Amino acid sequence: MYDKSKNYYSQIIKSEIEELSSDISELEQITKPIPLDSAYGRISRMDAINQKSRNEALLSDARVRMQNLKRVLVNIEGGEYGVCSVCGNEISKERLEFVPETDRCNLHTNQ
């Protein structure tokens, strides 16, 4: 990968990391435990617990994506970025822009 491309993708990934950091902070705030003595009615409390579960799943996914983005940022400098981990072919520019943390080409996305 050319240095110009490395810088371009590094900027995309750093931007994604920054945005994701903000999302993670918000999700951490709204997934705090719901106190038993809170002023929820029985139905409202169940809704709050369900919403908390969904937010915890989003938080988990966000943390995994953050880890992948940080890994990819290191791979850019190592020259491994943009190469399919399965077949060794170059990953398309469009795919890298849409899913910058990917390590597989379009042919191997379901494996």
N, C-alpha and C. Protein backbone atom coordinates (compact mmCIF):
# COMPACT_ATOMS: atom_id res chain seq x y z
N MET A 1 0.84 -1.17 0.00
CA MET A 1 0.00 0.00 0.00
C MET A 1 0.89 1.24 0.00
N TYR A 2 0.51 2.21 -0.79
CA TYR A 2 1.27 3.46 -0.90
C TYR A 2 1.13 4.30 0.36
N ASP A 3 2.14 5.14 0.61
CA ASP A 3 2.11 6.01 1.80
C ASP A 3 0.89 6.92 1.80
N LYS A 4 0.52 7.43 0.63
CA LYS A 4 -0.64 8.30 0.51
C LYS A 4 -1.91 7.56 0.94
N SER A 5 -2.04 6.31 0.51
CA SER A 5 -3.19 5.49 0.89
C SER A 5 -3.15 5.18 2.38
N LYS A 6 -1.97 4.91 2.90
CA LYS A 6 -1.83 4.63 4.33
C LYS A 6 -2.35 5.80 5.16
N ASN A 7 -1.96 7.00 4.77
CA ASN A 7 -2.41 8.18 5.50
C ASN A 7 -3.91 8.35 5.39
N TYR A 8 -4.45 8.11 4.21
CA TYR A 8 -5.89 8.24 3.99
C TYR A 8 -6.66 7.29 4.89
N TYR A 9 -6.29 6.02 4.89
CA TYR A 9 -6.99 5.03 5.71
C TYR A 9 -6.72 5.24 7.20
N SER A 10 -5.54 5.68 7.55
CA SER A 10 -5.25 6.00 8.95
C SER A 10 -6.19 7.07 9.46
N GLN A 11 -6.42 8.10 8.64
CA GLN A 11 -7.32 9.18 9.04
C GLN A 11 -8.75 8.67 9.20
N ILE A 12 -9.19 7.82 8.28
CA ILE A 12 -10.54 7.25 8.38
C ILE A 12 -10.66 6.46 9.68
N ILE A 13 -9.68 5.63 9.96
CA ILE A 13 -9.72 4.78 11.15
C ILE A 13 -9.64 5.60 12.43
N LYS A 14 -8.78 6.60 12.45
CA LYS A 14 -8.68 7.47 13.64
C LYS A 14 -9.99 8.21 13.89
N SER A 15 -10.63 8.63 12.83
CA SER A 15 -11.93 9.29 12.95
C SER A 15 -12.98 8.33 13.51
N GLU A 16 -12.97 7.10 13.01
CA GLU A 16 -13.90 6.07 13.51
C GLU A 16 -13.63 5.78 14.99
N ILE A 17 -12.36 5.71 15.37
CA ILE A 17 -12.00 5.45 16.77
C ILE A 17 -12.49 6.58 17.67
N GLU A 18 -12.32 7.81 17.21
CA GLU A 18 -12.77 8.96 17.99
C GLU A 18 -14.29 8.94 18.19
N GLU A 19 -15.01 8.68 17.13
CA GLU A 19 -16.47 8.63 17.20
C GLU A 19 -16.93 7.47 18.09
N LEU A 20 -16.27 6.34 17.93
CA LEU A 20 -16.62 5.15 18.71
C LEU A 20 -16.32 5.36 20.19
N SER A 21 -15.26 6.08 20.51
CA SER A 21 -14.92 6.39 21.91
C SER A 21 -16.05 7.17 22.56
N SER A 22 -16.58 8.12 21.83
CA SER A 22 -17.70 8.91 22.32
C SER A 22 -18.92 8.03 22.55
N ASP A 23 -19.22 7.17 21.58
CA ASP A 23 -20.35 6.25 21.70
C ASP A 23 -20.19 5.32 22.90
N ILE A 24 -18.99 4.81 23.09
CA ILE A 24 -18.72 3.90 24.21
C ILE A 24 -18.93 4.62 25.54
N SER A 25 -18.48 5.85 25.64
CA SER A 25 -18.68 6.63 26.88
C SER A 25 -20.16 6.80 27.18
N GLU A 26 -20.93 7.13 26.17
CA GLU A 26 -22.38 7.29 26.36
C GLU A 26 -23.03 5.97 26.77
N LEU A 27 -22.65 4.89 26.09
CA LEU A 27 -23.23 3.58 26.41
C LEU A 27 -22.85 3.13 27.82
N GLU A 28 -21.63 3.44 28.25
CA GLU A 28 -21.22 3.08 29.61
C GLU A 28 -22.08 3.81 30.64
N GLN A 29 -22.43 5.04 30.34
CA GLN A 29 -23.27 5.82 31.26
C GLN A 29 -24.68 5.24 31.36
N ILE A 30 -25.24 4.84 30.21
CA ILE A 30 -26.64 4.38 30.24
C ILE A 30 -26.80 2.90 30.56
N THR A 31 -25.68 2.20 30.72
CA THR A 31 -25.77 0.79 31.10
C THR A 31 -25.41 0.55 32.56
N LYS A 32 -25.35 1.62 33.32
CA LYS A 32 -25.10 1.45 34.75
C LYS A 32 -26.27 0.70 35.38
N PRO A 33 -26.02 0.00 36.47
CA PRO A 33 -27.10 -0.77 37.11
C PRO A 33 -28.31 0.10 37.47
N ILE A 34 -29.47 -0.50 37.37
CA ILE A 34 -30.71 0.18 37.74
C ILE A 34 -30.98 -0.13 39.21
N PRO A 35 -30.97 0.89 40.04
CA PRO A 35 -31.18 0.64 41.47
C PRO A 35 -32.57 0.09 41.75
N LEU A 36 -32.66 -0.79 42.73
CA LEU A 36 -33.94 -1.40 43.10
C LEU A 36 -34.93 -0.37 43.63
N ASP A 37 -34.45 0.67 44.26
CA ASP A 37 -35.34 1.65 44.87
C ASP A 37 -35.69 2.80 43.93
N SER A 38 -35.39 2.66 42.63
CA SER A 38 -35.73 3.73 41.70
C SER A 38 -37.23 3.83 41.52
N ALA A 39 -37.69 4.99 41.08
CA ALA A 39 -39.12 5.29 41.02
C ALA A 39 -39.78 4.77 39.74
N TYR A 40 -39.45 3.58 39.33
CA TYR A 40 -40.08 2.97 38.17
C TYR A 40 -41.31 2.18 38.62
N GLY A 41 -42.32 2.17 37.78
CA GLY A 41 -43.42 1.24 38.00
C GLY A 41 -42.95 -0.13 37.55
N ARG A 42 -43.73 -1.16 37.81
CA ARG A 42 -43.31 -2.52 37.45
C ARG A 42 -43.06 -2.65 35.95
N ILE A 43 -43.98 -2.17 35.11
CA ILE A 43 -43.83 -2.27 33.65
C ILE A 43 -42.67 -1.40 33.18
N SER A 44 -42.59 -0.18 33.69
CA SER A 44 -41.51 0.73 33.30
C SER A 44 -40.15 0.16 33.68
N ARG A 45 -40.09 -0.48 34.83
CA ARG A 45 -38.83 -1.09 35.27
C ARG A 45 -38.42 -2.21 34.33
N MET A 46 -39.38 -3.03 33.89
CA MET A 46 -39.08 -4.11 32.94
C MET A 46 -38.60 -3.53 31.61
N ASP A 47 -39.23 -2.46 31.15
CA ASP A 47 -38.78 -1.79 29.92
C ASP A 47 -37.36 -1.27 30.08
N ALA A 48 -37.08 -0.67 31.24
CA ALA A 48 -35.74 -0.13 31.50
C ALA A 48 -34.71 -1.25 31.51
N ILE A 49 -35.05 -2.39 32.08
CA ILE A 49 -34.13 -3.53 32.12
C ILE A 49 -33.88 -4.07 30.71
N ASN A 50 -34.95 -4.16 29.90
CA ASN A 50 -34.80 -4.61 28.51
C ASN A 50 -33.93 -3.65 27.71
N GLN A 51 -34.17 -2.36 27.88
CA GLN A 51 -33.37 -1.35 27.17
C GLN A 51 -31.91 -1.42 27.61
N LYS A 52 -31.70 -1.65 28.89
CA LYS A 52 -30.33 -1.78 29.42
C LYS A 52 -29.63 -2.97 28.77
N SER A 53 -30.35 -4.06 28.59
CA SER A 53 -29.77 -5.25 27.94
C SER A 53 -29.37 -4.96 26.51
N ARG A 54 -30.22 -4.25 25.79
CA ARG A 54 -29.89 -3.89 24.40
C ARG A 54 -28.67 -2.98 24.35
N ASN A 55 -28.62 -2.02 25.27
CA ASN A 55 -27.48 -1.11 25.31
C ASN A 55 -26.19 -1.82 25.69
N GLU A 56 -26.29 -2.83 26.56
CA GLU A 56 -25.10 -3.61 26.92
C GLU A 56 -24.58 -4.38 25.71
N ALA A 57 -25.49 -4.89 24.88
CA ALA A 57 -25.07 -5.58 23.66
C ALA A 57 -24.39 -4.60 22.70
N LEU A 58 -24.95 -3.41 22.57
CA LEU A 58 -24.34 -2.38 21.72
C LEU A 58 -22.96 -2.00 22.25
N LEU A 59 -22.84 -1.89 23.55
CA LEU A 59 -21.56 -1.55 24.17
C LEU A 59 -20.52 -2.64 23.90
N SER A 60 -20.92 -3.88 24.02
CA SER A 60 -20.02 -5.00 23.75
C SER A 60 -19.54 -4.97 22.29
N ASP A 61 -20.47 -4.77 21.37
CA ASP A 61 -20.12 -4.69 19.95
C ASP A 61 -19.18 -3.51 19.68
N ALA A 62 -19.45 -2.39 20.32
CA ALA A 62 -18.62 -1.20 20.12
C ALA A 62 -17.20 -1.44 20.63
N ARG A 63 -17.08 -2.13 21.75
CA ARG A 63 -15.74 -2.42 22.29
C ARG A 63 -14.97 -3.36 21.37
N VAL A 64 -15.65 -4.35 20.81
CA VAL A 64 -14.99 -5.27 19.88
C VAL A 64 -14.54 -4.51 18.63
N ARG A 65 -15.41 -3.65 18.12
CA ARG A 65 -15.05 -2.88 16.92
C ARG A 65 -13.87 -1.96 17.21
N MET A 66 -13.86 -1.35 18.39
CA MET A 66 -12.75 -0.48 18.77
C MET A 66 -11.44 -1.27 18.79
N GLN A 67 -11.48 -2.46 19.34
CA GLN A 67 -10.30 -3.32 19.38
C GLN A 67 -9.82 -3.63 17.95
N ASN A 68 -10.76 -3.95 17.07
CA ASN A 68 -10.42 -4.25 15.68
C ASN A 68 -9.84 -3.05 14.96
N LEU A 69 -10.40 -1.87 15.20
CA LEU A 69 -9.88 -0.66 14.56
C LEU A 69 -8.46 -0.36 15.04
N LYS A 70 -8.20 -0.55 16.32
CA LYS A 70 -6.85 -0.31 16.84
C LYS A 70 -5.86 -1.32 16.26
N ARG A 71 -6.31 -2.57 16.10
CA ARG A 71 -5.44 -3.60 15.50
C ARG A 71 -5.10 -3.23 14.06
N VAL A 72 -6.09 -2.77 13.33
CA VAL A 72 -5.89 -2.41 11.93
C VAL A 72 -4.96 -1.20 11.80
N LEU A 73 -5.07 -0.27 12.73
CA LEU A 73 -4.19 0.90 12.70
C LEU A 73 -2.73 0.47 12.80
N VAL A 74 -2.46 -0.54 13.62
CA VAL A 74 -1.10 -1.09 13.73
C VAL A 74 -0.71 -1.80 12.43
N ASN A 75 -1.66 -2.52 11.83
CA ASN A 75 -1.40 -3.25 10.58
C ASN A 75 -1.05 -2.33 9.42
N ILE A 76 -1.59 -1.12 9.43
CA ILE A 76 -1.27 -0.17 8.35
C ILE A 76 0.22 0.10 8.33
N GLU A 77 0.78 0.34 9.50
CA GLU A 77 2.22 0.62 9.58
C GLU A 77 3.05 -0.62 9.24
N GLY A 78 2.53 -1.79 9.53
CA GLY A 78 3.25 -3.03 9.25
C GLY A 78 3.15 -3.47 7.80
N GLY A 79 2.33 -2.77 7.02
CA GLY A 79 2.19 -3.10 5.60
C GLY A 79 1.23 -4.24 5.33
N GLU A 80 0.49 -4.69 6.34
CA GLU A 80 -0.43 -5.81 6.18
C GLU A 80 -1.85 -5.36 5.87
N TYR A 81 -2.10 -4.08 5.92
CA TYR A 81 -3.46 -3.56 5.74
C TYR A 81 -3.86 -3.59 4.26
N GLY A 82 -5.11 -3.97 4.02
CA GLY A 82 -5.63 -3.98 2.65
C GLY A 82 -5.40 -5.27 1.92
N VAL A 83 -4.89 -6.28 2.62
CA VAL A 83 -4.63 -7.59 2.02
C VAL A 83 -5.51 -8.62 2.71
N CYS A 84 -6.23 -9.41 1.93
CA CYS A 84 -7.14 -10.42 2.46
C CYS A 84 -6.35 -11.46 3.27
N SER A 85 -6.82 -11.74 4.48
CA SER A 85 -6.13 -12.71 5.33
C SER A 85 -6.37 -14.15 4.89
N VAL A 86 -7.34 -14.36 3.98
CA VAL A 86 -7.64 -15.70 3.51
C VAL A 86 -6.89 -16.01 2.22
N CYS A 87 -7.05 -15.14 1.21
CA CYS A 87 -6.48 -15.45 -0.10
C CYS A 87 -5.25 -14.62 -0.46
N GLY A 88 -4.99 -13.55 0.28
CA GLY A 88 -3.83 -12.72 0.00
C GLY A 88 -4.05 -11.68 -1.09
N ASN A 89 -5.26 -11.63 -1.66
CA ASN A 89 -5.56 -10.62 -2.66
C ASN A 89 -5.81 -9.27 -2.00
N GLU A 90 -5.71 -8.23 -2.82
CA GLU A 90 -5.97 -6.89 -2.32
C GLU A 90 -7.46 -6.70 -2.05
N ILE A 91 -7.78 -6.06 -0.95
CA ILE A 91 -9.17 -5.75 -0.60
C ILE A 91 -9.54 -4.46 -1.32
N SER A 92 -10.75 -4.41 -1.88
CA SER A 92 -11.16 -3.25 -2.67
C SER A 92 -11.20 -1.98 -1.82
N LYS A 93 -10.93 -0.87 -2.47
CA LYS A 93 -10.95 0.43 -1.84
C LYS A 93 -12.33 0.72 -1.23
N GLU A 94 -13.37 0.38 -1.96
CA GLU A 94 -14.73 0.63 -1.50
C GLU A 94 -15.02 -0.11 -0.19
N ARG A 95 -14.58 -1.36 -0.12
CA ARG A 95 -14.80 -2.16 1.08
C ARG A 95 -14.03 -1.59 2.26
N LEU A 96 -12.79 -1.18 2.03
CA LEU A 96 -11.97 -0.61 3.10
C LEU A 96 -12.56 0.70 3.62
N GLU A 97 -13.17 1.47 2.72
CA GLU A 97 -13.79 2.72 3.16
C GLU A 97 -15.06 2.45 3.95
N PHE A 98 -15.82 1.43 3.57
CA PHE A 98 -17.08 1.11 4.24
C PHE A 98 -16.85 0.39 5.56
N VAL A 99 -15.92 -0.57 5.56
CA VAL A 99 -15.59 -1.34 6.77
C VAL A 99 -14.07 -1.31 6.94
N PRO A 100 -13.53 -0.21 7.48
CA PRO A 100 -12.06 -0.07 7.53
C PRO A 100 -11.35 -1.13 8.36
N GLU A 101 -12.07 -1.80 9.26
CA GLU A 101 -11.42 -2.82 10.10
C GLU A 101 -11.41 -4.20 9.46
N THR A 102 -11.90 -4.32 8.24
CA THR A 102 -11.97 -5.63 7.60
C THR A 102 -10.59 -6.18 7.28
N ASP A 103 -10.49 -7.50 7.31
CA ASP A 103 -9.24 -8.15 6.90
C ASP A 103 -9.53 -9.21 5.84
N ARG A 104 -10.72 -9.12 5.24
CA ARG A 104 -11.10 -10.08 4.20
C ARG A 104 -11.68 -9.37 2.98
N CYS A 105 -11.43 -9.92 1.81
CA CYS A 105 -11.97 -9.36 0.58
C CYS A 105 -13.44 -9.74 0.44
N ASN A 106 -14.08 -9.22 -0.58
CA ASN A 106 -15.51 -9.49 -0.82
C ASN A 106 -15.80 -10.98 -0.98
N LEU A 107 -14.87 -11.72 -1.53
CA LEU A 107 -15.08 -13.16 -1.77
C LEU A 107 -15.09 -13.98 -0.48
N HIS A 108 -14.46 -13.47 0.56
CA HIS A 108 -14.30 -14.26 1.79
C HIS A 108 -14.97 -13.63 3.00
N THR A 109 -15.97 -12.81 2.81
CA THR A 109 -16.61 -12.15 3.94
C THR A 109 -17.46 -13.06 4.79
N ASN A 110 -17.96 -14.16 4.23
CA ASN A 110 -18.85 -15.07 4.98
C ASN A 110 -18.13 -16.25 5.59
N GLN A 111 -16.84 -16.27 5.53
CA GLN A 111 -16.10 -17.43 6.05
C GLN A 111 -15.68 -17.19 7.48
